[in-house]
N, C-alpha and C. Protein backbone atom coordinates (compact mmCIF):
# COMPACT_ATOMS: atom_id res chain seq x y z
N MET A 1 -1.50 -0.90 16.04
CA MET A 1 -0.44 -1.24 15.95
C MET A 1 -0.42 -2.85 15.51
N ILE A 2 0.01 -3.78 15.39
CA ILE A 2 0.41 -4.96 15.53
C ILE A 2 1.00 -5.38 16.19
N SER A 3 0.68 -6.02 17.19
CA SER A 3 1.60 -6.31 18.40
C SER A 3 2.90 -7.62 18.06
N ALA A 4 3.25 -7.97 19.03
CA ALA A 4 4.18 -9.62 18.90
C ALA A 4 3.73 -10.34 19.54
N ARG A 5 2.48 -9.88 20.63
CA ARG A 5 1.41 -10.66 21.10
C ARG A 5 0.37 -12.02 20.27
N THR A 6 0.30 -11.04 19.23
CA THR A 6 -0.53 -11.80 18.20
C THR A 6 0.23 -12.95 17.35
N LEU A 7 2.01 -12.42 17.13
CA LEU A 7 1.74 -13.62 16.65
C LEU A 7 2.33 -14.76 17.45
N THR A 8 2.30 -14.49 18.66
CA THR A 8 2.78 -15.14 19.75
C THR A 8 1.76 -15.61 20.25
N ARG A 9 0.97 -15.82 19.85
CA ARG A 9 -0.29 -16.23 20.95
C ARG A 9 -0.59 -17.81 21.48
N TYR A 10 -0.26 -18.39 19.81
CA TYR A 10 -0.25 -20.03 19.58
C TYR A 10 1.08 -20.32 19.89
N GLY A 11 1.80 -19.82 20.65
CA GLY A 11 2.93 -20.46 20.64
C GLY A 11 4.37 -19.78 21.39
N PRO A 12 5.58 -19.97 21.94
CA PRO A 12 6.57 -19.39 22.27
C PRO A 12 7.53 -18.79 20.72
N THR A 13 8.23 -17.51 21.00
CA THR A 13 9.27 -16.91 20.15
C THR A 13 10.78 -17.67 20.26
N SER A 14 10.69 -17.79 21.79
CA SER A 14 12.35 -17.75 22.26
C SER A 14 13.15 -18.73 21.47
N ASN A 15 12.07 -20.65 21.28
CA ASN A 15 13.24 -21.42 21.17
C ASN A 15 13.04 -21.69 19.74
N PRO A 16 14.07 -21.80 19.27
CA PRO A 16 14.69 -21.53 17.76
C PRO A 16 14.10 -22.86 16.69
N GLU A 17 13.82 -24.11 17.50
CA GLU A 17 13.98 -25.32 18.07
C GLU A 17 12.74 -25.63 17.06
N PRO A 18 12.02 -25.91 15.70
CA PRO A 18 10.81 -25.95 15.15
C PRO A 18 10.15 -27.36 15.90
N THR A 19 10.71 -28.42 15.85
CA THR A 19 9.57 -29.57 16.62
C THR A 19 9.02 -28.82 18.36
N MET A 20 9.49 -27.12 18.74
CA MET A 20 9.34 -27.02 20.21
C MET A 20 8.49 -25.60 20.12
N ALA A 21 7.48 -25.39 18.95
CA ALA A 21 7.44 -24.44 18.70
C ALA A 21 6.52 -23.80 19.05
N ASN A 22 5.94 -24.98 19.38
CA ASN A 22 4.07 -24.65 20.01
C ASN A 22 3.78 -25.56 21.45
N PRO A 23 3.01 -25.07 22.44
CA PRO A 23 2.56 -25.66 23.15
C PRO A 23 1.86 -27.18 23.15
N GLU A 24 0.62 -26.98 22.00
CA GLU A 24 0.36 -27.72 21.99
C GLU A 24 0.92 -29.48 21.93
N PRO A 25 0.24 -30.70 22.40
CA PRO A 25 2.09 -31.71 22.53
C PRO A 25 1.63 -31.81 21.05
N SER A 26 3.20 -32.28 20.90
CA SER A 26 3.39 -32.95 19.42
C SER A 26 2.65 -34.25 18.33
N MET A 27 2.39 -33.53 17.28
CA MET A 27 1.93 -34.59 16.29
C MET A 27 3.04 -35.54 16.65
N ALA A 28 4.27 -35.48 16.25
CA ALA A 28 5.58 -36.40 16.43
C ALA A 28 5.48 -37.55 17.60
N GLN A 29 5.40 -36.73 18.67
CA GLN A 29 5.15 -37.63 19.75
C GLN A 29 4.25 -38.80 20.02
N ARG A 30 2.72 -37.86 19.90
CA ARG A 30 1.62 -38.30 19.39
C ARG A 30 1.48 -40.18 17.98
N ASN A 31 2.04 -39.38 16.70
CA ASN A 31 2.15 -40.15 15.87
C ASN A 31 3.10 -39.73 15.04
N PRO A 32 4.52 -40.70 14.72
CA PRO A 32 5.17 -40.68 13.79
C PRO A 32 5.09 -40.19 12.10
N ASP A 33 4.03 -40.42 11.90
CA ASP A 33 3.76 -40.16 10.74
C ASP A 33 3.83 -38.33 10.53
N GLY A 34 5.18 -38.24 9.16
CA GLY A 34 5.10 -36.95 9.27
C GLY A 34 4.13 -36.22 8.57
N TYR A 35 2.93 -36.83 7.90
CA TYR A 35 2.14 -35.94 7.59
C TYR A 35 1.64 -35.72 8.85
N SER A 36 1.16 -36.43 9.12
CA SER A 36 0.08 -35.28 10.31
C SER A 36 0.92 -34.37 11.12
N ARG A 37 1.90 -34.50 11.10
CA ARG A 37 2.55 -32.84 11.87
C ARG A 37 2.45 -32.16 11.35
N VAL A 38 2.60 -31.73 9.44
CA VAL A 38 2.15 -31.62 8.64
C VAL A 38 1.43 -30.89 8.78
N GLU A 39 0.61 -31.54 9.34
CA GLU A 39 -0.88 -30.86 8.06
C GLU A 39 -1.42 -30.23 10.44
N HIS A 40 -0.84 -30.96 10.88
CA HIS A 40 -1.36 -30.34 12.76
C HIS A 40 0.02 -28.30 12.92
N GLU A 41 1.52 -28.94 12.53
CA GLU A 41 1.87 -27.07 12.00
C GLU A 41 1.05 -26.43 10.94
N LEU A 42 0.71 -27.50 10.41
CA LEU A 42 0.09 -25.24 9.74
C LEU A 42 -0.93 -25.62 9.64
N ALA A 43 -2.30 -26.03 10.41
CA ALA A 43 -3.26 -25.81 11.21
C ALA A 43 -3.03 -24.22 12.24
N ILE A 44 -1.60 -24.68 13.03
CA ILE A 44 -1.22 -23.98 14.10
C ILE A 44 -0.96 -22.70 12.99
N LEU A 45 -0.25 -22.73 12.38
CA LEU A 45 0.30 -21.31 11.29
C LEU A 45 -0.85 -21.04 10.86
N VAL A 46 -1.74 -21.56 10.26
CA VAL A 46 -3.15 -20.45 9.67
C VAL A 46 -3.91 -20.02 10.98
N ARG A 47 -4.53 -21.00 12.02
CA ARG A 47 -4.72 -19.81 12.84
C ARG A 47 -3.37 -18.94 13.73
N ARG A 48 -2.66 -18.79 13.46
CA ARG A 48 -1.79 -17.66 13.64
C ARG A 48 -1.82 -16.51 12.61
N ALA A 49 -1.90 -16.79 11.53
CA ALA A 49 -1.62 -16.02 10.46
C ALA A 49 -2.95 -15.81 10.31
N HIS A 50 -4.09 -16.12 10.99
CA HIS A 50 -5.35 -15.46 10.31
C HIS A 50 -5.38 -13.96 11.82
N ALA A 51 -4.93 -14.40 12.41
CA ALA A 51 -5.50 -13.89 13.81
C ALA A 51 -4.05 -12.51 13.63
N SER A 52 -3.13 -13.08 12.85
CA SER A 52 -1.98 -11.25 12.89
C SER A 52 -2.54 -10.61 11.13
N SER A 53 -3.51 -11.31 10.41
CA SER A 53 -4.21 -11.02 9.54
C SER A 53 -5.22 -9.84 9.83
N GLY A 54 -5.66 -10.11 10.73
CA GLY A 54 -6.69 -8.90 11.83
C GLY A 54 -6.38 -7.53 11.99
N ASP A 55 -5.21 -7.89 12.89
CA ASP A 55 -4.00 -6.97 13.05
C ASP A 55 -3.80 -5.81 12.60
N LEU A 56 -3.46 -6.78 10.65
CA LEU A 56 -2.58 -6.24 9.49
C LEU A 56 -3.51 -5.40 8.78
N SER A 57 -4.99 -6.10 8.45
CA SER A 57 -5.81 -5.16 8.27
C SER A 57 -6.49 -4.51 8.92
N ARG A 58 -6.46 -4.13 10.47
CA ARG A 58 -7.47 -2.79 11.21
C ARG A 58 -5.67 -1.84 10.63
N GLU A 59 -4.50 -1.97 10.36
CA GLU A 59 -3.34 -1.14 10.19
C GLU A 59 -3.22 -0.35 8.95
N VAL A 60 -4.04 -1.18 8.56
CA VAL A 60 -4.35 -0.12 6.79
C VAL A 60 -5.34 0.84 7.15
N HIS A 61 -6.65 -0.21 7.65
CA HIS A 61 -7.32 1.08 8.12
C HIS A 61 -9.12 -0.14 9.58
N PRO A 62 -9.41 0.83 9.86
CA PRO A 62 -10.17 0.53 11.12
C PRO A 62 -11.20 -0.73 10.12
N GLY A 63 -11.56 -0.15 9.11
CA GLY A 63 -12.54 -0.73 9.08
C GLY A 63 -12.79 -1.52 8.14
N VAL A 64 -10.55 -2.10 7.41
CA VAL A 64 -11.25 -3.31 6.98
C VAL A 64 -11.22 -4.78 6.68
N GLN A 65 -12.05 -5.51 6.31
CA GLN A 65 -11.98 -7.31 7.75
C GLN A 65 -10.87 -7.94 6.87
N VAL A 66 -10.50 -8.82 7.35
CA VAL A 66 -9.31 -9.90 7.04
C VAL A 66 -9.08 -10.55 5.10
N GLY A 67 -10.70 -9.90 4.80
CA GLY A 67 -11.10 -10.81 3.94
C GLY A 67 -10.30 -9.49 2.71
N GLY A 68 -10.82 -8.30 3.19
CA GLY A 68 -10.50 -7.07 2.45
C GLY A 68 -8.53 -6.99 2.49
N TYR A 69 -7.73 -7.37 3.37
CA TYR A 69 -6.57 -6.85 3.37
C TYR A 69 -6.07 -8.11 2.33
N ALA A 70 -6.82 -9.37 2.22
CA ALA A 70 -6.38 -10.42 1.46
C ALA A 70 -6.75 -10.45 0.10
N LEU A 71 -7.93 -9.50 -0.30
CA LEU A 71 -7.62 -8.41 -1.53
C LEU A 71 -6.56 -7.65 -2.07
N LEU A 72 -6.93 -6.55 -1.18
CA LEU A 72 -5.87 -5.49 -0.96
C LEU A 72 -4.24 -5.93 -1.28
N GLY A 73 -3.30 -6.63 -0.54
CA GLY A 73 -3.00 -8.04 -1.37
C GLY A 73 -2.37 -7.92 -2.61
N ARG A 74 -3.46 -9.00 -2.89
CA ARG A 74 -3.82 -9.58 -3.99
C ARG A 74 -3.66 -8.62 -5.45
N LEU A 75 -4.63 -7.55 -5.49
CA LEU A 75 -3.99 -6.50 -6.05
C LEU A 75 -2.94 -5.58 -5.94
N HIS A 76 -2.62 -5.57 -4.98
CA HIS A 76 -0.95 -5.20 -5.20
C HIS A 76 0.34 -5.78 -6.30
N ASP A 77 0.16 -7.50 -5.64
CA ASP A 77 0.98 -8.48 -6.78
C ASP A 77 0.18 -8.27 -8.08
N LEU A 78 -1.23 -7.54 -8.65
CA LEU A 78 -1.34 -8.22 -9.88
C LEU A 78 -1.32 -7.01 -10.50
N GLY A 79 -1.34 -5.66 -9.68
CA GLY A 79 -1.48 -3.94 -11.09
C GLY A 79 -3.31 -4.03 -10.46
N SER A 80 -4.02 -5.03 -11.65
CA SER A 80 -5.12 -4.55 -11.93
C SER A 80 -5.72 -5.52 -12.29
N VAL A 81 -6.71 -5.77 -11.90
CA VAL A 81 -8.10 -7.44 -12.07
C VAL A 81 -9.08 -7.04 -12.29
N ARG A 82 -9.95 -7.88 -12.96
CA ARG A 82 -11.59 -7.96 -12.99
C ARG A 82 -11.92 -9.28 -11.35
N ALA A 83 -13.26 -7.75 -11.44
CA ALA A 83 -13.67 -9.22 -9.99
C ALA A 83 -13.69 -9.95 -10.08
N ALA A 84 -14.18 -10.58 -11.26
CA ALA A 84 -14.93 -11.55 -11.87
C ALA A 84 -12.86 -12.84 -11.26
N ASP A 85 -12.16 -13.01 -11.43
CA ASP A 85 -10.78 -12.98 -11.60
C ASP A 85 -10.43 -13.05 -9.71
N LEU A 86 -10.25 -12.32 -9.08
CA LEU A 86 -10.45 -12.48 -7.41
C LEU A 86 -11.52 -13.46 -7.18
N SER A 87 -12.82 -13.78 -7.77
CA SER A 87 -13.14 -13.74 -6.77
C SER A 87 -13.49 -16.15 -6.83
N ASP A 88 -12.25 -15.85 -8.12
CA ASP A 88 -11.62 -17.55 -8.81
C ASP A 88 -10.97 -17.58 -7.86
N TYR A 89 -10.04 -16.58 -7.91
CA TYR A 89 -8.89 -16.93 -7.54
C TYR A 89 -8.80 -16.98 -5.68
N PHE A 90 -9.78 -16.49 -5.26
CA PHE A 90 -10.21 -16.58 -3.24
C PHE A 90 -11.12 -17.41 -2.90
N GLY A 91 -12.32 -17.87 -3.88
CA GLY A 91 -12.96 -19.03 -4.01
C GLY A 91 -13.94 -18.75 -3.66
N ILE A 92 -14.37 -16.98 -3.62
CA ILE A 92 -15.57 -16.17 -2.13
C ILE A 92 -16.54 -16.60 -3.74
N ASP A 93 -17.73 -15.82 -3.87
CA ASP A 93 -19.21 -15.57 -4.38
C ASP A 93 -18.97 -14.17 -4.86
N LYS A 94 -19.81 -13.82 -5.33
CA LYS A 94 -19.88 -12.66 -6.11
C LYS A 94 -20.47 -11.25 -5.42
N GLY A 95 -21.38 -12.40 -4.30
CA GLY A 95 -21.84 -11.09 -3.94
C GLY A 95 -21.13 -10.49 -2.58
N SER A 96 -20.27 -11.38 -1.71
CA SER A 96 -19.38 -11.34 -0.17
C SER A 96 -18.39 -10.65 -1.35
N LEU A 97 -17.68 -10.60 -2.09
CA LEU A 97 -16.86 -10.17 -3.23
C LEU A 97 -17.37 -8.97 -3.27
N SER A 98 -18.12 -8.26 -4.49
CA SER A 98 -18.58 -6.88 -3.89
C SER A 98 -18.80 -6.05 -3.21
N ARG A 99 -19.22 -6.56 -1.70
CA ARG A 99 -19.36 -5.75 -0.49
C ARG A 99 -17.42 -5.80 0.09
N GLN A 100 -17.15 -6.30 0.01
CA GLN A 100 -16.44 -6.39 0.03
C GLN A 100 -15.22 -5.20 -0.30
N LEU A 101 -15.11 -5.59 -1.59
CA LEU A 101 -15.01 -4.18 -2.90
C LEU A 101 -15.64 -3.28 -2.68
N LYS A 102 -17.04 -2.94 -2.13
CA LYS A 102 -17.84 -1.96 -1.93
C LYS A 102 -17.14 -0.95 -1.07
N LEU A 103 -16.42 -1.98 0.21
CA LEU A 103 -16.31 -1.25 1.19
C LEU A 103 -14.92 -0.40 1.34
N LEU A 104 -14.12 -1.21 0.71
CA LEU A 104 -12.84 -0.74 0.12
C LEU A 104 -13.03 0.59 -0.77
N GLU A 105 -13.31 0.59 -1.68
CA GLU A 105 -13.98 1.53 -3.04
C GLU A 105 -14.21 2.47 -2.16
N ASP A 106 -15.36 2.62 -1.05
CA ASP A 106 -15.45 3.67 0.15
C ASP A 106 -14.84 4.32 0.56
N LEU A 107 -13.70 3.48 1.02
CA LEU A 107 -12.35 3.38 1.74
C LEU A 107 -11.35 4.61 1.46
N GLN A 108 -12.05 4.62 -0.18
CA GLN A 108 -10.55 5.23 -0.82
C GLN A 108 -9.21 4.26 -0.86
N LEU A 109 -9.40 3.15 -1.13
CA LEU A 109 -8.20 2.25 -0.97
C LEU A 109 -7.94 1.39 -2.29
N ILE A 110 -9.33 1.95 -3.04
CA ILE A 110 -9.40 1.16 -4.42
C ILE A 110 -9.85 2.00 -5.67
N THR A 111 -9.43 1.55 -6.81
CA THR A 111 -10.14 2.08 -7.60
C THR A 111 -10.83 1.68 -8.74
N ARG A 112 -12.09 1.59 -9.65
CA ARG A 112 -12.50 1.01 -10.86
C ARG A 112 -12.19 1.37 -12.07
N GLU A 113 -12.05 0.87 -12.36
CA GLU A 113 -12.12 1.30 -14.24
C GLU A 113 -12.04 1.40 -15.05
N THR A 114 -12.54 1.14 -16.19
CA THR A 114 -13.19 0.27 -17.86
C THR A 114 -11.63 -0.52 -18.18
N ASP A 115 -11.81 -1.60 -18.18
CA ASP A 115 -11.39 -2.63 -18.78
C ASP A 115 -10.83 -2.62 -20.55
N THR A 116 -9.75 -1.45 -20.60
CA THR A 116 -9.87 -1.35 -21.86
C THR A 116 -9.78 -2.41 -23.05
N ALA A 117 -9.81 -3.39 -22.79
CA ALA A 117 -10.27 -5.21 -24.17
C ALA A 117 -11.43 -4.93 -23.77
N ASP A 118 -11.92 -4.89 -22.97
CA ASP A 118 -13.76 -5.52 -22.97
C ASP A 118 -14.66 -3.81 -21.73
N ARG A 119 -15.40 -3.30 -22.92
CA ARG A 119 -15.54 -1.92 -22.05
C ARG A 119 -16.56 -2.31 -21.36
N ARG A 120 -16.81 -3.43 -21.67
CA ARG A 120 -18.37 -4.28 -20.63
C ARG A 120 -17.33 -4.47 -19.13
N SER A 121 -16.66 -4.67 -18.76
CA SER A 121 -16.07 -5.42 -17.40
C SER A 121 -15.14 -3.66 -16.82
N GLN A 122 -15.07 -4.00 -15.80
CA GLN A 122 -14.33 -3.20 -14.69
C GLN A 122 -12.83 -3.70 -14.74
N ARG A 123 -12.33 -2.67 -14.12
CA ARG A 123 -10.59 -3.60 -13.56
C ARG A 123 -10.93 -2.84 -12.72
N LEU A 124 -10.01 -3.75 -11.09
CA LEU A 124 -9.70 -2.94 -9.63
C LEU A 124 -8.53 -3.02 -10.06
N ALA A 125 -8.07 -1.94 -8.89
CA ALA A 125 -6.36 -1.36 -8.30
C ALA A 125 -6.49 -0.57 -7.60
N LEU A 126 -5.72 -0.79 -5.92
CA LEU A 126 -4.86 0.38 -5.80
C LEU A 126 -4.99 1.53 -5.77
N THR A 127 -5.70 2.56 -5.32
CA THR A 127 -4.85 3.47 -5.28
C THR A 127 -4.00 4.37 -4.78
N ALA A 128 -3.63 5.07 -4.72
CA ALA A 128 -2.04 5.52 -4.02
C ALA A 128 -2.18 5.25 -2.34
N GLY A 129 -3.51 5.84 -2.43
CA GLY A 129 -3.20 5.53 -0.19
C GLY A 129 -3.55 3.86 -0.12
N GLY A 130 -3.60 3.41 -0.65
CA GLY A 130 -3.87 2.26 -0.52
C GLY A 130 -2.83 1.50 -0.51
N ARG A 131 -2.00 1.76 -1.36
CA ARG A 131 -1.31 1.07 -1.54
C ARG A 131 0.10 1.77 -0.45
N ARG A 132 0.53 2.96 -0.25
CA ARG A 132 1.19 3.02 0.59
C ARG A 132 0.47 2.82 2.00
N ARG A 133 -1.42 2.28 2.42
CA ARG A 133 -1.13 1.76 3.96
C ARG A 133 -0.93 0.37 3.55
N LEU A 134 -1.46 -0.36 2.45
CA LEU A 134 -0.97 -1.20 2.49
C LEU A 134 0.42 -1.79 2.59
N ASP A 135 1.37 -1.29 1.69
CA ASP A 135 2.76 -1.29 2.49
C ASP A 135 2.94 -0.81 3.44
N ARG A 136 2.79 -0.42 3.89
CA ARG A 136 3.31 -0.39 5.54
C ARG A 136 2.43 -0.68 6.91
N ALA A 137 1.72 -1.95 6.70
CA ALA A 137 1.24 -2.62 7.34
C ALA A 137 1.85 -4.05 6.78
N ARG A 138 2.68 -3.84 5.73
CA ARG A 138 3.74 -5.77 5.15
C ARG A 138 4.77 -5.21 6.07
N ARG A 139 5.03 -3.44 5.72
CA ARG A 139 6.49 -3.66 6.56
C ARG A 139 6.36 -3.66 7.71
N ALA A 140 5.23 -3.81 8.66
CA ALA A 140 5.27 -4.18 10.32
C ALA A 140 4.86 -5.81 10.15
N ARG A 141 4.19 -5.81 9.01
CA ARG A 141 4.38 -7.68 9.72
C ARG A 141 5.99 -8.24 9.12
N ARG A 142 6.66 -7.59 8.12
CA ARG A 142 8.25 -8.27 8.05
C ARG A 142 9.03 -7.66 9.25
N ARG A 143 9.09 -6.45 9.97
CA ARG A 143 9.09 -7.19 10.98
C ARG A 143 9.35 -7.85 12.10
N LEU A 144 7.77 -7.37 12.23
CA LEU A 144 7.02 -9.02 13.18
C LEU A 144 7.72 -10.21 12.60
N ILE A 145 8.03 -11.19 12.10
CA ILE A 145 8.51 -11.61 11.12
C ILE A 145 9.89 -12.50 11.23
N ARG A 146 10.95 -11.16 11.16
CA ARG A 146 12.17 -10.87 11.65
C ARG A 146 12.40 -10.89 12.76
N GLN A 147 11.67 -10.28 14.06
CA GLN A 147 12.17 -10.29 15.26
C GLN A 147 11.13 -12.01 15.79
N GLU A 148 10.23 -12.32 15.24
CA GLU A 148 10.31 -14.21 15.66
C GLU A 148 11.28 -14.92 14.92
N LEU A 149 11.77 -15.02 14.34
CA LEU A 149 12.98 -15.56 13.58
C LEU A 149 14.45 -14.78 14.42
N SER A 150 14.38 -14.40 15.31
CA SER A 150 15.49 -13.68 15.18
C SER A 150 17.29 -14.33 15.57
N ARG A 151 16.49 -16.01 16.62
CA ARG A 151 16.70 -16.71 17.18
C ARG A 151 17.35 -17.88 15.99
N TRP A 152 16.38 -17.57 15.08
CA TRP A 152 17.57 -18.67 13.61
C TRP A 152 18.54 -18.25 13.60
N SER A 153 19.03 -19.13 12.91
CA SER A 153 20.46 -18.90 11.70
C SER A 153 20.08 -18.45 10.55
N THR A 154 21.23 -17.55 10.11
CA THR A 154 20.20 -17.12 8.31
C THR A 154 20.21 -18.56 7.79
N GLY A 155 20.82 -19.36 7.90
CA GLY A 155 20.75 -20.49 7.03
C GLY A 155 18.68 -21.59 7.04
N ASP A 156 18.81 -21.10 8.51
CA ASP A 156 17.04 -22.15 8.27
C ASP A 156 16.21 -20.77 7.66
N VAL A 157 16.85 -19.96 8.58
CA VAL A 157 15.34 -19.06 7.97
C VAL A 157 15.43 -18.55 6.06
N GLU A 158 16.24 -18.96 5.93
CA GLU A 158 16.60 -18.89 4.21
C GLU A 158 16.01 -20.11 3.70
N ALA A 159 16.29 -21.27 4.97
CA ALA A 159 15.81 -22.74 4.49
C ALA A 159 13.51 -23.09 4.39
N PHE A 160 13.74 -22.59 5.59
CA PHE A 160 12.28 -21.89 6.47
C PHE A 160 11.49 -21.69 5.14
N GLY A 161 12.59 -20.25 4.56
CA GLY A 161 11.36 -19.62 3.03
C GLY A 161 11.74 -20.61 1.90
N ASP A 162 12.61 -21.42 1.32
CA ASP A 162 12.66 -22.62 0.47
C ASP A 162 10.80 -23.56 0.31
N LEU A 163 11.40 -24.12 1.94
CA LEU A 163 10.69 -25.19 2.09
C LEU A 163 9.14 -24.58 1.97
N LEU A 164 8.68 -23.25 2.74
CA LEU A 164 7.44 -22.06 1.95
C LEU A 164 7.08 -21.78 1.06
N ALA A 165 8.02 -21.64 -0.10
CA ALA A 165 8.18 -21.63 -1.19
C ALA A 165 7.54 -22.28 -1.69
N ARG A 166 8.16 -23.64 -1.61
CA ARG A 166 8.30 -25.18 -2.45
C ARG A 166 7.25 -25.38 -2.36
N PHE A 167 6.43 -25.35 -1.09
CA PHE A 167 4.97 -26.09 -0.48
C PHE A 167 4.00 -25.31 -0.77
N ASN A 168 3.99 -23.67 -1.43
CA ASN A 168 3.16 -23.09 -1.55
C ASN A 168 2.92 -22.71 -3.63
N SER A 169 4.03 -23.88 -3.86
CA SER A 169 4.79 -23.58 -5.43
C SER A 169 3.20 -24.70 -5.94
N LEU A 170 3.06 -26.25 -4.77
CA LEU A 170 1.76 -27.15 -4.88
C LEU A 170 0.83 -26.66 -4.98
N ALA A 171 0.07 -25.27 -4.84
CA ALA A 171 -0.45 -24.70 -4.37
C ALA A 171 -1.02 -24.09 -5.61
N GLN A 172 -0.08 -23.75 -6.03
CA GLN A 172 -0.13 -22.44 -7.51
C GLN A 172 -0.41 -23.14 -8.88
N HIS A 173 -0.09 -24.27 -9.11
CA HIS A 173 -1.00 -24.97 -9.67
C HIS A 173 -2.17 -25.90 -9.62
N ASP A 174 -2.98 -25.14 -8.53
CA ASP A 174 -4.52 -25.34 -8.66
C ASP A 174 -5.17 -24.28 -8.82
N THR A 175 -4.69 -23.21 -8.62
CA THR A 175 -5.41 -21.77 -8.75
C THR A 175 -5.29 -21.01 -9.98
């Protein structure tokens, strides 16, 4: 089970002030440049996300690694996809991807089917069991996020979601 400790490892959750969200010296105090502060806070967010992803991947199955969890999430979002598309999206080599996919297939979390558009190719999709396990892990993650942000106003939570979506849309133009 994912622990609240995982998400709070890099900072307290009780303070709703975003500028005080982490115990590390504030970039705003050392350098008033907003871009430096964004970079600093993103680095902390990425470390927290990576730590929680390890717990989430084990929630799906003890043998699933962080990269496998990300692959399952992408398959969930797309329905089915070719391995080459996953390799391009994540920027990983086909050998590493192949090992991860083999593990997920051995755990019966994904399945391979012949691509009807190109019989030489295969499409990957979640199994019903893989979908159930991933959905359970995602529900656990949402509960923890709700707990983490419980002291924030609804408006702040919505604004945070809007800003993250806006930021993430920038990256979508690169993928």
